[in-house]
Amino acid sequence: MWEIERLAGLDSADRTPESICACVARIFQVRETEVALLELSGRMLNFRYPAELKTAGAIPLSSSAVAARTAQTKRAELFNGFTQVKHFSVFELVKLGNSGLDEQVIQKLMSAPILARNGEVIGVIQVSRKAPRPAAAGPDFTPDDLRKLQSVSRFVGRLMARGHSPRKARPEYSIVLKEHFSAGK
């Protein structure tokens, strides 16, 4: 799992939402525009990444959105038939960069809470696969993928908990992640 070690090894100056999400995209072999990072502010989830969604609005914790449910329950979820799940599709209408994905919709999604050390939710990270139809979206996410996302979210939680801004992480964390994945957990 060298990719997660790479995430842990980001220089402190490069621990931005953009660099973190780019690394997460490589870990799950998805496009950078298929990763979302949301931060909890009061009772609202605000997008930190992708940049285009920062001004598109926020998600109330009281809503039925998947990200809100993830934050409320503190449980990771996986959906390989996401088009059948009730969700806020308004964010899918926002054109993200030069990706050409505006005609594509989220077909598959994983969502995991980002927790501070005290167990409080400070955000949500989501990884998706977008395509015009399910068969074109690539492989299904697996339970192992979801466990990997949970490990990534714990690391991102450590970054965000430091002043709610990704800056410094403890260097031994990459060792913990390496041991975790080497043990096949």
Protein backbone atom coordinates (compact mmCIF):
# COMPACT_ATOMS: atom_id res chain seq x y z
CA MET A 1 0.00 0.00 0.00
CA TRP A 2 2.74 2.42 -0.97
CA GLU A 3 0.11 4.88 -2.16
CA ILE A 4 -1.07 5.52 1.40
CA GLU A 5 2.54 5.95 2.49
CA ARG A 6 2.78 8.54 -0.27
CA LEU A 7 -0.23 10.34 1.21
CA ALA A 8 1.44 10.26 4.63
CA GLY A 9 4.67 11.52 3.08
CA LEU A 10 3.25 14.70 1.56
CA ASP A 11 5.35 17.70 2.51
CA SER A 12 3.58 19.85 5.06
CA ALA A 13 3.39 22.69 2.53
CA ASP A 14 1.71 20.33 0.07
CA ARG A 15 -0.95 18.98 2.44
CA THR A 16 -3.74 20.84 0.72
CA PRO A 17 -7.19 19.47 -0.09
CA GLU A 18 -6.09 19.33 -3.75
CA SER A 19 -2.94 17.30 -3.12
CA ILE A 20 -4.64 15.00 -0.62
CA CYS A 21 -7.53 14.28 -2.99
CA ALA A 22 -5.16 13.76 -5.93
CA CYS A 23 -3.34 11.14 -3.89
CA VAL A 24 -6.64 9.51 -2.86
CA ALA A 25 -7.66 9.41 -6.55
CA ARG A 26 -4.46 7.50 -7.35
CA ILE A 27 -5.05 5.08 -4.47
CA PHE A 28 -8.50 4.14 -5.83
CA GLN A 29 -7.64 4.55 -9.51
CA VAL A 30 -10.32 7.17 -10.14
CA ARG A 31 -10.17 10.64 -11.65
CA GLU A 32 -9.35 13.52 -9.30
CA THR A 33 -12.83 14.90 -10.01
CA GLU A 34 -14.26 11.67 -8.57
CA VAL A 35 -13.00 12.48 -5.05
CA ALA A 36 -14.79 14.89 -2.72
CA LEU A 37 -13.63 16.28 0.61
CA LEU A 38 -16.19 17.99 2.81
CA GLU A 39 -15.59 19.78 6.10
CA LEU A 40 -18.17 20.15 8.86
CA SER A 41 -18.80 23.75 9.89
CA GLY A 42 -21.59 24.05 12.44
CA ARG A 43 -24.48 22.02 11.03
CA MET A 44 -23.34 22.22 7.41
CA LEU A 45 -20.94 20.15 5.29
CA ASN A 46 -18.93 22.45 3.03
CA PHE A 47 -16.91 21.24 0.07
CA ARG A 48 -13.16 21.72 0.39
CA TYR A 49 -12.55 19.78 -2.83
CA PRO A 50 -13.24 19.88 -5.76
CA ALA A 51 -12.77 23.63 -5.88
CA GLU A 52 -15.76 24.13 -8.19
CA LEU A 53 -18.10 22.79 -5.50
CA LYS A 54 -16.89 25.22 -2.82
CA THR A 55 -19.32 27.84 -4.12
CA ALA A 56 -22.06 25.43 -5.24
CA GLY A 57 -23.64 25.26 -1.82
CA ALA A 58 -23.42 23.27 1.38
CA ILE A 59 -25.14 20.15 2.65
CA PRO A 60 -27.19 20.48 5.85
CA LEU A 61 -26.54 17.69 8.36
CA SER A 62 -30.30 17.32 8.71
CA SER A 63 -30.71 16.42 5.02
CA SER A 64 -31.08 12.96 3.51
CA ALA A 65 -27.89 13.37 1.46
CA VAL A 66 -25.42 10.49 1.68
CA ALA A 67 -22.68 12.78 2.99
CA ALA A 68 -24.99 14.03 5.74
CA ARG A 69 -25.96 10.49 6.68
CA THR A 70 -22.29 9.50 6.76
CA ALA A 71 -21.57 12.37 9.16
CA GLN A 72 -24.65 11.67 11.30
CA THR A 73 -24.05 7.93 11.71
CA LYS A 74 -20.23 8.04 11.66
CA ARG A 75 -20.38 4.96 9.40
CA ALA A 76 -18.75 4.36 6.04
CA GLU A 77 -21.02 3.22 3.21
CA LEU A 78 -20.58 1.72 -0.25
CA PHE A 79 -23.04 1.97 -3.15
CA ASN A 80 -22.39 0.19 -6.44
CA GLY A 81 -25.84 1.20 -7.73
CA PHE A 82 -25.73 4.83 -6.67
CA THR A 83 -28.21 6.09 -9.25
CA GLN A 84 -30.89 4.19 -7.29
CA VAL A 85 -29.99 5.97 -4.02
CA LYS A 86 -31.80 9.16 -2.98
CA HIS A 87 -29.16 11.90 -3.04
CA PHE A 88 -28.48 15.55 -3.86
CA SER A 89 -27.86 15.33 -7.60
CA VAL A 90 -27.54 19.12 -7.90
CA PHE A 91 -23.80 18.84 -7.22
CA GLU A 92 -23.41 16.45 -10.16
CA LEU A 93 -24.54 19.23 -12.50
CA VAL A 94 -21.52 21.40 -11.70
CA LYS A 95 -18.81 21.16 -14.36
CA LEU A 96 -15.56 20.11 -12.72
CA GLY A 97 -12.43 21.51 -14.38
CA ASN A 98 -11.69 20.29 -17.88
CA SER A 99 -12.77 16.77 -17.05
CA GLY A 100 -15.54 16.52 -19.62
CA LEU A 101 -17.56 14.67 -16.99
CA ASP A 102 -20.54 17.00 -16.91
CA GLU A 103 -22.65 14.51 -18.89
CA GLN A 104 -21.65 11.71 -16.55
CA VAL A 105 -23.27 10.88 -13.25
CA ILE A 106 -22.10 9.11 -10.15
CA GLN A 107 -22.72 5.40 -10.67
CA LYS A 108 -20.72 4.05 -7.73
CA LEU A 109 -19.82 5.74 -4.46
CA MET A 110 -17.99 5.17 -1.20
CA SER A 111 -18.45 7.61 1.66
CA ALA A 112 -16.54 7.69 4.97
CA PRO A 113 -16.64 10.01 7.95
CA ILE A 114 -13.55 11.97 8.94
CA LEU A 115 -13.20 11.96 12.70
CA ALA A 116 -11.08 13.99 15.09
CA ARG A 117 -9.19 12.09 17.78
CA ASN A 118 -12.04 12.68 20.22
CA GLY A 119 -14.44 10.88 17.86
CA GLU A 120 -16.22 14.03 16.69
CA VAL A 121 -17.06 14.24 13.00
CA ILE A 122 -15.07 16.96 11.26
CA GLY A 123 -15.80 16.00 7.66
CA VAL A 124 -16.59 13.39 5.03
CA ILE A 125 -14.52 11.96 2.20
CA GLN A 126 -16.16 10.38 -0.84
CA VAL A 127 -14.77 8.42 -3.78
CA SER A 128 -16.95 7.81 -6.82
CA ARG A 129 -16.96 6.35 -10.30
CA LYS A 130 -18.78 8.47 -12.88
CA ALA A 131 -20.08 7.37 -16.25
CA PRO A 132 -23.17 7.76 -18.44
CA ARG A 133 -24.31 4.23 -17.40
CA PRO A 134 -23.30 1.65 -14.74
CA ALA A 135 -21.49 -0.72 -17.10
CA ALA A 136 -19.17 2.08 -18.24
CA ALA A 137 -18.23 3.13 -14.68
CA GLY A 138 -15.52 0.56 -14.14
CA PRO A 139 -15.27 -2.10 -11.48
CA ASP A 140 -17.48 -2.19 -8.42
CA PHE A 141 -16.02 -0.95 -5.17
CA THR A 142 -15.32 -3.81 -2.78
CA PRO A 143 -15.50 -4.14 1.01
CA ASP A 144 -11.68 -4.01 0.95
CA ASP A 145 -11.88 -0.68 -0.90
CA LEU A 146 -14.23 0.62 1.79
CA ARG A 147 -11.83 -0.48 4.55
CA LYS A 148 -9.00 1.26 2.70
CA LEU A 149 -11.10 4.45 2.48
CA GLN A 150 -11.75 4.24 6.22
CA SER A 151 -7.98 4.08 6.83
CA VAL A 152 -7.46 7.03 4.50
CA SER A 153 -10.19 8.98 6.31
CA ARG A 154 -8.48 8.37 9.67
CA PHE A 155 -5.27 9.82 8.25
CA VAL A 156 -7.08 12.79 6.72
CA GLY A 157 -8.79 13.30 10.08
CA ARG A 158 -5.42 13.70 11.71
CA LEU A 159 -4.48 16.32 9.13
CA MET A 160 -7.76 18.22 9.40
CA ALA A 161 -7.91 18.07 13.20
CA ARG A 162 -4.86 20.26 13.42
CA GLY A 163 -6.76 23.53 13.27
CA HIS A 164 -9.28 22.07 10.80
CA SER A 165 -6.68 22.60 8.12
CA PRO A 166 -4.53 19.91 6.51
CA ARG A 167 -1.01 20.78 7.65
CA LYS A 168 1.00 18.36 9.80
CA ALA A 169 0.63 14.70 10.54
CA ARG A 170 2.60 12.52 12.85
CA PRO A 171 5.34 10.78 10.84
CA GLU A 172 4.73 7.41 12.49
CA TYR A 173 1.26 7.26 10.95
CA SER A 174 2.60 5.91 7.67
CA ILE A 175 4.12 3.03 9.64
CA VAL A 176 0.75 2.30 11.27
CA LEU A 177 -0.97 2.26 7.87
CA LYS A 178 1.74 0.06 6.36
CA GLU A 179 1.36 -2.46 9.21
CA HIS A 180 -2.42 -2.33 8.92
CA PHE A 181 -2.46 -3.17 5.22
CA SER A 182 0.43 -5.66 5.45
CA ALA A 183 -1.59 -7.63 7.98
CA GLY A 184 -4.39 -7.91 5.41
CA LYS A 185 -6.95 -6.13 7.56
